[in-house]
Amino acid sequence: MSVLGTVAPIFVIIALGAVLYRTRFVTDAAHAGIDRLTYWVGIPCLLFYETATTPIDLQPALRVTAAVTLTVLACIAAGYVASKVM
């Protein structure tokens, strides 16, 4: 899927909401209620759904973990050597 195919529907929804709000189809009270519903219900539901349905691929995580571990060990060794030299 291309980036445009992913991002375009989001911009269409935002534009539709802006048009409906500017034409006063949606009142200020309804707009505030929709915002609260989206923020407190919709986004957490989407977050949990995406987290639950994401396939787990440990290969990239293992590479990052190995890189961080080696970097930390190299810094510890460098600090030890520097302390002995000074």
Protein backbone atom coordinates (compact mmCIF):
# COMPACT_ATOMS: atom_id res chain seq x y z
CA MET A 1 0.00 0.00 0.00
CA SER A 2 1.38 3.39 -0.92
CA VAL A 3 1.78 6.27 1.49
CA LEU A 4 -0.78 8.30 -0.44
CA GLY A 5 -3.32 5.49 -0.15
CA THR A 6 -2.78 5.42 3.59
CA VAL A 7 -2.79 9.16 4.27
CA ALA A 8 -5.45 10.32 1.77
CA PRO A 9 -8.48 8.95 3.69
CA ILE A 10 -7.30 10.73 6.84
CA PHE A 11 -7.10 14.06 5.01
CA VAL A 12 -10.53 13.49 3.46
CA ILE A 13 -12.06 12.88 6.89
CA ILE A 14 -10.35 15.98 8.32
CA ALA A 15 -11.53 18.09 5.36
CA LEU A 16 -15.07 16.75 5.69
CA GLY A 17 -15.10 17.61 9.39
CA ALA A 18 -13.81 21.12 8.67
CA VAL A 19 -16.48 21.68 6.00
CA LEU A 20 -19.26 20.42 8.27
CA TYR A 21 -18.05 22.63 11.12
CA ARG A 22 -17.67 25.76 8.97
CA THR A 23 -21.11 25.35 7.43
CA ARG A 24 -22.51 25.03 10.98
CA PHE A 25 -23.92 21.58 10.22
CA VAL A 26 -22.30 20.53 13.50
CA THR A 27 -22.89 22.82 16.49
CA ASP A 28 -20.19 23.75 19.00
CA ALA A 29 -21.74 21.49 21.66
CA ALA A 30 -21.90 18.53 19.28
CA HIS A 31 -18.34 19.22 18.14
CA ALA A 32 -17.11 19.17 21.76
CA GLY A 33 -18.97 15.90 22.41
CA ILE A 34 -17.57 14.28 19.28
CA ASP A 35 -14.06 15.39 20.23
CA ARG A 36 -14.42 13.89 23.72
CA LEU A 37 -15.84 10.65 22.32
CA THR A 38 -13.02 10.35 19.81
CA TYR A 39 -10.30 11.16 22.34
CA TRP A 40 -11.52 9.04 25.26
CA VAL A 41 -13.14 6.10 23.44
CA GLY A 42 -12.13 5.91 19.77
CA ILE A 43 -8.38 6.36 20.03
CA PRO A 44 -7.89 3.92 22.96
CA CYS A 45 -10.01 1.31 21.16
CA LEU A 46 -7.96 1.73 18.00
CA LEU A 47 -4.72 1.52 19.99
CA PHE A 48 -5.73 -1.72 21.72
CA TYR A 49 -7.05 -3.22 18.48
CA GLU A 50 -3.88 -2.43 16.55
CA THR A 51 -1.70 -3.73 19.39
CA ALA A 52 -3.69 -6.97 19.63
CA THR A 53 -3.68 -7.68 15.89
CA THR A 54 -0.07 -6.76 15.11
CA PRO A 55 2.05 -9.79 14.21
CA ILE A 56 5.06 -10.19 16.44
CA ASP A 57 8.42 -10.26 14.65
CA LEU A 58 11.28 -10.61 17.12
CA GLN A 59 14.12 -10.48 14.57
CA PRO A 60 14.37 -6.65 14.41
CA ALA A 61 13.94 -6.40 18.18
CA LEU A 62 16.79 -8.84 18.76
CA ARG A 63 19.10 -6.84 16.51
CA VAL A 64 18.29 -3.59 18.32
CA THR A 65 18.73 -5.27 21.71
CA ALA A 66 22.10 -6.66 20.65
CA ALA A 67 23.24 -3.26 19.35
CA VAL A 68 22.22 -1.49 22.56
CA THR A 69 23.83 -4.16 24.74
CA LEU A 70 27.11 -4.01 22.80
CA THR A 71 27.11 -0.21 22.97
CA VAL A 72 26.57 -0.23 26.73
CA LEU A 73 29.32 -2.80 27.23
CA ALA A 74 31.69 -0.78 25.02
CA CYS A 75 30.96 2.38 27.04
CA ILE A 76 31.58 0.50 30.31
CA ALA A 77 34.88 -0.84 28.96
CA ALA A 78 35.92 2.60 27.71
CA GLY A 79 35.07 4.13 31.09
CA TYR A 80 37.04 1.46 32.90
CA VAL A 81 40.08 1.99 30.66
CA ALA A 82 39.79 5.77 31.00
CA SER A 83 39.65 5.48 34.80
CA LYS A 84 42.80 3.35 34.85
CA VAL A 85 44.65 5.76 32.54
CA MET A 86 43.71 8.80 34.59
